[in-house]
Protein backbone atom coordinates (compact mmCIF):
# COMPACT_ATOMS: atom_id res chain seq x y z
CA UNK A 1 -18.00 -39.42 44.36
CA UNK A 2 -13.80 -38.73 44.34
CA UNK A 3 -12.58 -36.48 43.59
CA UNK A 4 -9.04 -36.57 42.83
CA UNK A 5 -6.59 -34.30 44.86
CA UNK A 6 -4.53 -31.59 43.50
CA UNK A 7 -1.20 -31.64 45.39
CA UNK A 8 1.78 -28.92 45.11
CA UNK A 9 3.88 -31.02 42.59
CA UNK A 10 0.99 -31.17 39.95
CA UNK A 11 0.38 -27.42 40.95
CA UNK A 12 4.44 -26.90 40.48
CA UNK A 13 4.46 -29.31 36.77
CA UNK A 14 1.52 -27.75 35.17
CA UNK A 15 2.90 -24.16 36.06
CA UNK A 16 6.67 -25.14 34.28
CA UNK A 17 4.88 -26.87 31.50
CA UNK A 18 2.80 -23.52 30.33
CA UNK A 19 5.65 -21.77 31.14
CA UNK A 20 8.26 -24.31 28.86
CA UNK A 21 5.41 -23.64 26.26
CA UNK A 22 5.46 -20.28 26.95
CA UNK A 23 8.90 -19.71 26.41
CA UNK A 24 9.32 -22.26 23.14
CA UNK A 25 6.44 -20.38 21.63
CA UNK A 26 8.63 -16.91 22.52
CA UNK A 27 11.97 -18.43 21.15
CA UNK A 28 10.26 -19.31 18.30
CA UNK A 29 8.97 -15.71 17.31
CA UNK A 30 12.28 -14.74 18.32
CA UNK A 31 14.12 -17.30 14.99
CA UNK A 32 11.40 -15.75 13.14
CA UNK A 33 12.84 -12.04 13.42
CA UNK A 34 16.04 -12.48 13.68
CA UNK A 35 16.23 -14.95 10.73
CA UNK A 36 13.23 -13.27 9.32
CA UNK A 37 11.54 -15.95 7.43
CA UNK A 38 8.51 -18.01 8.79
CA UNK A 39 9.49 -20.88 7.76
CA UNK A 40 13.46 -22.32 9.53
CA UNK A 41 12.24 -25.58 9.75
CA UNK A 42 10.05 -27.90 7.93
CA UNK A 43 8.23 -28.69 11.44
CA UNK A 44 7.26 -25.39 11.03
CA UNK A 45 5.04 -25.52 8.23
CA UNK A 46 5.53 -29.11 5.84
CA UNK A 47 3.21 -28.41 2.97
CA UNK A 48 4.57 -24.82 3.15
CA UNK A 49 7.83 -26.32 3.02
CA UNK A 50 6.98 -28.50 -0.19
CA UNK A 51 6.10 -25.58 -1.84
CA UNK A 52 9.12 -23.06 -1.08
CA UNK A 53 10.98 -25.77 -3.12
CA UNK A 54 8.89 -26.12 -6.04
CA UNK A 55 9.22 -22.36 -5.99
CA UNK A 56 12.87 -22.58 -5.61
CA UNK A 57 12.63 -24.56 -8.19
CA UNK A 58 11.22 -22.72 -10.54
CA UNK A 59 13.45 -19.28 -9.32
CA UNK A 60 16.37 -21.04 -10.04
CA UNK A 61 15.46 -22.31 -13.86
CA UNK A 62 14.18 -18.86 -14.75
CA UNK A 63 17.30 -17.56 -13.58
CA UNK A 64 19.47 -19.92 -15.22
CA UNK A 65 17.42 -18.52 -18.07
CA UNK A 66 18.19 -15.79 -18.20
CA UNK A 67 21.70 -16.14 -18.02
CA UNK A 68 21.66 -18.39 -21.20
CA UNK A 69 19.47 -15.49 -23.17
CA UNK A 70 22.29 -13.21 -21.94
CA UNK A 71 24.75 -15.31 -23.31
CA UNK A 72 23.11 -15.27 -26.76
CA UNK A 73 22.06 -12.04 -27.21
CA UNK A 74 25.97 -11.80 -26.05
CA UNK A 75 26.76 -13.29 -28.98
CA UNK A 76 23.97 -11.81 -31.66
CA UNK A 77 24.83 -8.48 -30.93
CA UNK A 78 28.61 -9.68 -32.15
CA UNK A 79 27.53 -11.14 -35.17
CA UNK A 80 25.26 -8.34 -35.32
CA UNK A 81 28.14 -5.53 -35.29
CA UNK A 82 30.41 -7.89 -37.56
CA UNK A 83 28.17 -8.38 -40.36
CA UNK A 84 27.37 -4.96 -40.53
CA UNK A 85 31.02 -3.81 -40.47
CA UNK A 86 30.95 -6.67 -43.21
CA UNK A 87 28.29 -5.00 -45.02
CA UNK A 88 29.66 -1.27 -45.01
CA UNK A 89 33.13 -2.90 -46.66
CA UNK A 90 31.14 -4.91 -49.52
CA UNK A 91 29.40 -2.04 -50.26
CA UNK A 92 32.96 -0.61 -50.57
CA UNK A 93 34.30 -2.74 -52.86
CA UNK A 94 31.12 -2.89 -55.00
CA UNK A 95 32.33 1.44 -55.71
CA UNK A 96 35.82 0.34 -56.69
CA UNK A 97 34.58 -2.62 -59.01
CA UNK A 98 32.58 -0.33 -60.92
CA UNK A 99 35.41 2.32 -60.94
CA UNK A 100 38.08 -0.48 -62.31
CA UNK A 101 35.20 -1.02 -64.92
CA UNK A 102 35.41 2.99 -65.84
CA UNK A 103 38.95 2.68 -65.52
CA UNK A 104 40.02 -0.11 -67.51
CA UNK A 105 41.89 1.57 -70.19
CA UNK A 106 44.18 3.46 -67.86
CA UNK A 107 47.40 2.59 -66.33
CA UNK A 108 48.65 0.00 -64.53
CA UNK A 109 49.63 1.87 -61.60
CA UNK A 110 45.89 3.00 -61.76
CA UNK A 111 44.51 -0.79 -61.83
CA UNK A 112 46.63 -1.80 -59.28
CA UNK A 113 45.73 0.84 -56.35
CA UNK A 114 42.25 -0.68 -57.12
CA UNK A 115 43.00 -4.27 -57.12
CA UNK A 116 45.27 -3.13 -54.29
CA UNK A 117 42.23 -1.23 -52.17
CA UNK A 118 40.01 -5.08 -52.82
CA UNK A 119 42.83 -6.93 -51.67
CA UNK A 120 43.23 -5.09 -48.21
CA UNK A 121 39.14 -5.10 -48.01
CA UNK A 122 38.98 -9.09 -48.52
CA UNK A 123 41.99 -9.24 -45.64
CA UNK A 124 39.78 -6.98 -43.52
CA UNK A 125 36.57 -9.23 -43.87
CA UNK A 126 38.33 -12.52 -43.66
CA UNK A 127 39.29 -10.84 -40.27
CA UNK A 128 36.31 -9.91 -39.30
CA UNK A 129 34.97 -13.79 -40.64
CA UNK A 130 37.13 -14.50 -38.12
CA UNK A 131 35.61 -12.90 -35.31
CA UNK A 132 35.48 -14.42 -31.61
CA UNK A 133 33.28 -14.54 -28.36
CA UNK A 134 34.38 -16.07 -25.53
CA UNK A 135 37.94 -16.86 -27.56
CA UNK A 136 35.24 -19.51 -30.28
CA UNK A 137 35.02 -17.96 -33.64
CA UNK A 138 31.25 -16.64 -33.61
CA UNK A 139 30.98 -18.20 -37.84
CA UNK A 140 32.35 -21.24 -37.22
CA UNK A 141 29.33 -23.02 -35.92
CA UNK A 142 30.72 -25.67 -33.33
CA UNK A 143 33.92 -25.68 -34.86
CA UNK A 144 36.59 -26.73 -31.65
CA UNK A 145 39.26 -24.76 -33.81
CA UNK A 146 40.34 -21.17 -33.42
CA UNK A 147 39.19 -19.73 -36.77
CA UNK A 148 36.28 -19.98 -38.41
CA UNK A 149 38.45 -19.04 -42.10
CA UNK A 150 42.35 -19.31 -42.49
CA UNK A 151 44.64 -17.01 -43.69
CA UNK A 152 43.08 -17.78 -47.51
CA UNK A 153 39.63 -17.47 -46.99
CA UNK A 154 39.02 -20.95 -46.87
CA UNK A 155 36.46 -21.92 -44.62
CA UNK A 156 37.49 -24.38 -41.88
CA UNK A 157 34.35 -24.14 -39.40
CA UNK A 158 32.07 -26.72 -38.85
CA UNK A 159 28.70 -27.07 -41.51
CA UNK A 160 25.51 -26.51 -40.60
CA UNK A 161 23.14 -29.62 -41.40
CA UNK A 162 19.08 -28.33 -41.31
CA UNK A 163 18.39 -31.88 -41.13
CA UNK A 164 20.28 -32.23 -37.63
CA UNK A 165 19.90 -28.95 -35.94
CA UNK A 166 20.81 -29.94 -32.07
CA UNK A 167 23.73 -31.37 -33.36
CA UNK A 168 25.12 -28.65 -36.06
CA UNK A 169 24.09 -25.44 -34.26
CA UNK A 170 25.26 -23.37 -31.28
CA UNK A 171 21.61 -22.55 -28.76
CA UNK A 172 20.22 -21.74 -26.07
CA UNK A 173 17.64 -22.46 -24.19
CA UNK A 174 15.17 -19.73 -22.95
CA UNK A 175 12.62 -21.12 -21.66
CA UNK A 176 10.91 -24.27 -20.71
CA UNK A 177 11.58 -26.43 -23.94
CA UNK A 178 12.31 -23.63 -25.97
CA UNK A 179 15.77 -23.44 -27.77
CA UNK A 180 17.20 -20.50 -29.97
CA UNK A 181 19.75 -20.82 -32.17
CA UNK A 182 22.61 -18.12 -31.60
CA UNK A 183 25.17 -18.73 -34.45
CA UNK A 184 25.54 -18.41 -38.21
CA UNK A 185 28.24 -20.60 -39.88
CA UNK A 186 30.70 -18.43 -42.51
CA UNK A 187 29.31 -20.15 -45.82
CA UNK A 188 25.81 -19.07 -44.55
CA UNK A 189 26.59 -15.44 -44.49
CA UNK A 190 29.74 -15.37 -46.52
CA UNK A 191 28.73 -17.85 -48.72
CA UNK A 192 30.88 -20.95 -49.48
CA UNK A 193 34.27 -21.39 -51.27
CA UNK A 194 33.56 -21.65 -54.48
CA UNK A 195 31.32 -18.54 -55.31
CA UNK A 196 31.59 -16.91 -52.10
CA UNK A 197 32.40 -13.26 -50.98
CA UNK A 198 36.06 -14.62 -50.67
CA UNK A 199 35.82 -15.96 -54.03
CA UNK A 200 34.67 -13.14 -55.66
CA UNK A 201 36.57 -10.64 -54.10
CA UNK A 202 39.47 -12.21 -55.22
CA UNK A 203 38.55 -12.85 -58.48
CA UNK A 204 38.11 -8.94 -59.10
CA UNK A 205 41.18 -8.29 -57.48
CA UNK A 206 42.57 -10.67 -60.64
CA UNK A 207 39.56 -8.78 -62.96
CA UNK A 208 40.59 -5.31 -62.46
CA UNK A 209 44.52 -6.27 -63.09
CA UNK A 210 44.47 -7.64 -66.44
CA UNK A 211 41.80 -5.59 -67.42
CA UNK A 212 38.99 -7.63 -68.32
CA UNK A 213 35.79 -5.75 -68.45
CA UNK A 214 33.94 -8.67 -68.70
CA UNK A 215 35.46 -10.56 -66.16
CA UNK A 216 34.30 -7.85 -64.10
CA UNK A 217 30.91 -7.73 -65.30
CA UNK A 218 30.76 -11.57 -63.75
CA UNK A 219 32.03 -10.74 -60.75
CA UNK A 220 29.54 -7.10 -59.82
CA UNK A 221 26.83 -9.79 -59.74
CA UNK A 222 28.13 -11.93 -58.08
CA UNK A 223 28.81 -9.44 -55.65
CA UNK A 224 25.45 -8.15 -55.19
CA UNK A 225 24.46 -11.53 -54.56
CA UNK A 226 26.84 -12.21 -52.01
CA UNK A 227 25.83 -8.43 -50.31
CA UNK A 228 22.24 -10.22 -50.45
CA UNK A 229 23.34 -13.04 -48.94
CA UNK A 230 24.96 -11.20 -46.17
CA UNK A 231 22.27 -8.31 -45.86
CA UNK A 232 19.66 -11.84 -45.06
CA UNK A 233 22.27 -13.24 -42.36
CA UNK A 234 21.75 -9.83 -40.95
CA UNK A 235 18.00 -9.99 -40.88
CA UNK A 236 17.43 -13.53 -40.10
CA UNK A 237 20.32 -12.42 -36.65
CA UNK A 238 17.69 -9.74 -35.91
CA UNK A 239 14.74 -11.52 -35.64
CA UNK A 240 16.16 -14.46 -33.40
CA UNK A 241 17.69 -11.72 -31.41
CA UNK A 242 14.28 -9.81 -30.98
CA UNK A 243 12.98 -13.39 -30.15
CA UNK A 244 15.79 -13.90 -27.45
CA UNK A 245 14.60 -10.29 -25.58
CA UNK A 246 11.03 -11.22 -25.67
CA UNK A 247 12.53 -14.76 -24.10
CA UNK A 248 14.67 -13.01 -21.32
CA UNK A 249 11.99 -11.38 -20.58
CA UNK A 250 9.08 -13.97 -19.97
CA UNK A 251 12.33 -15.46 -17.48
CA UNK A 252 11.88 -11.94 -15.71
CA UNK A 253 8.60 -11.69 -15.14
CA UNK A 254 8.14 -15.11 -13.55
CA UNK A 255 11.09 -14.80 -11.39
CA UNK A 256 10.08 -11.85 -9.96
CA UNK A 257 6.03 -14.01 -9.76
CA UNK A 258 7.68 -16.73 -8.19
CA UNK A 259 9.99 -14.54 -5.96
CA UNK A 260 6.89 -13.04 -4.57
CA UNK A 261 5.31 -16.19 -4.41
CA UNK A 262 7.90 -17.80 -2.52
CA UNK A 263 8.54 -14.71 0.11
CA UNK A 264 4.81 -14.69 0.90
CA UNK A 265 4.99 -18.09 1.90
CA UNK A 266 8.52 -17.86 3.85
CA UNK A 267 8.88 -14.92 4.66
CA UNK A 268 7.11 -12.65 7.91
CA UNK A 269 4.82 -9.80 8.40
CA UNK A 270 7.32 -7.78 9.95
CA UNK A 271 4.75 -5.60 11.20
CA UNK A 272 2.75 -8.12 12.21
CA UNK A 273 5.79 -10.62 13.82
CA UNK A 274 6.58 -7.71 16.30
CA UNK A 275 3.00 -7.25 17.87
CA UNK A 276 3.47 -10.86 17.89
CA UNK A 277 6.17 -10.82 20.08
CA UNK A 278 5.27 -8.07 21.98
CA UNK A 279 1.84 -9.87 22.59
CA UNK A 280 3.74 -13.09 23.82
CA UNK A 281 6.01 -11.04 26.26
CA UNK A 282 3.34 -9.83 28.04
CA UNK A 283 1.72 -12.92 28.37
CA UNK A 284 5.22 -14.72 29.38
CA UNK A 285 5.11 -11.35 31.90
CA UNK A 286 1.80 -12.37 33.15
CA UNK A 287 2.38 -15.94 33.49
CA UNK A 288 4.95 -15.40 35.49
CA UNK A 289 3.07 -12.83 37.83
CA UNK A 290 -0.01 -15.59 38.53
CA UNK A 291 2.81 -18.26 39.10
CA UNK A 292 4.30 -16.67 41.59
CA UNK A 293 1.01 -15.83 43.67
CA UNK A 294 -0.09 -20.05 43.23
CA UNK A 295 3.66 -20.89 43.96
CA UNK A 296 3.56 -19.49 47.30
CA UNK A 297 7.18 -20.92 49.13
CA UNK A 298 6.65 -22.44 52.29
CA UNK A 299 9.08 -23.26 55.90
CA UNK A 300 9.46 -26.52 54.87
CA UNK A 301 10.60 -24.86 50.77
CA UNK A 302 13.18 -22.90 52.68
CA UNK A 303 14.22 -26.05 54.85
CA UNK A 304 15.37 -28.47 52.54
């Protein structure tokens, strides 16, 4: 049986190769410690890299859902506050209308004062109907115009079509396949141009000046109907606000879950990695000591 001869060169080659592997392992652990990540390149873990990319995609989607929900909540909050103030003004207009019925035989000045106050309320309501959020009229629907109503209280915005909600309403995507409508058009909140709130207030003002009790009785019923429509819009906004809040919380919970799963794949276990680094350093020092004993320099090595 012929045995292979072990040469000095082969010993040197093996020792150096082992030391290089040891150094490479140490360098890898140092990279992990400095970056805080156990995945610094796809070759570190191909399967882990695929999972990490999927989790990152889910994380970005959840963050976008949260941003969409926050924008939608701000939009809805703006409308809710505006309609709350408008409802209070409608109640005040109703009280003034009742006063107008009781002062049908009063002098011209008293009637004019009541009518002027009704006019002021109408102008204030028109201004509130043109409330803007991010430079868009919140009651204008999908309009690209600057106002939802002109100075005369005529609707200038876009009309909502229930048969085509995607094209005629403003919505926010707050989940996978989940959209919530965030707008209420002026027609839905304040009524149309013919029988809506602004036309009713205009008729009430004229009725008070004319002292027409019959007209004021009819206008009072119309005003009550307009107030009910306003409150109905507030209720609808409230239900959307609640749903938007729930979807935002769901997206936040999902983001926390995905972030935790991504951390399990990408991030290092710091105490364990530090221990591995210490063990690696000890192993390398031991390898150097062993190599120093195995590779003894000879006189010929010095003469080369």
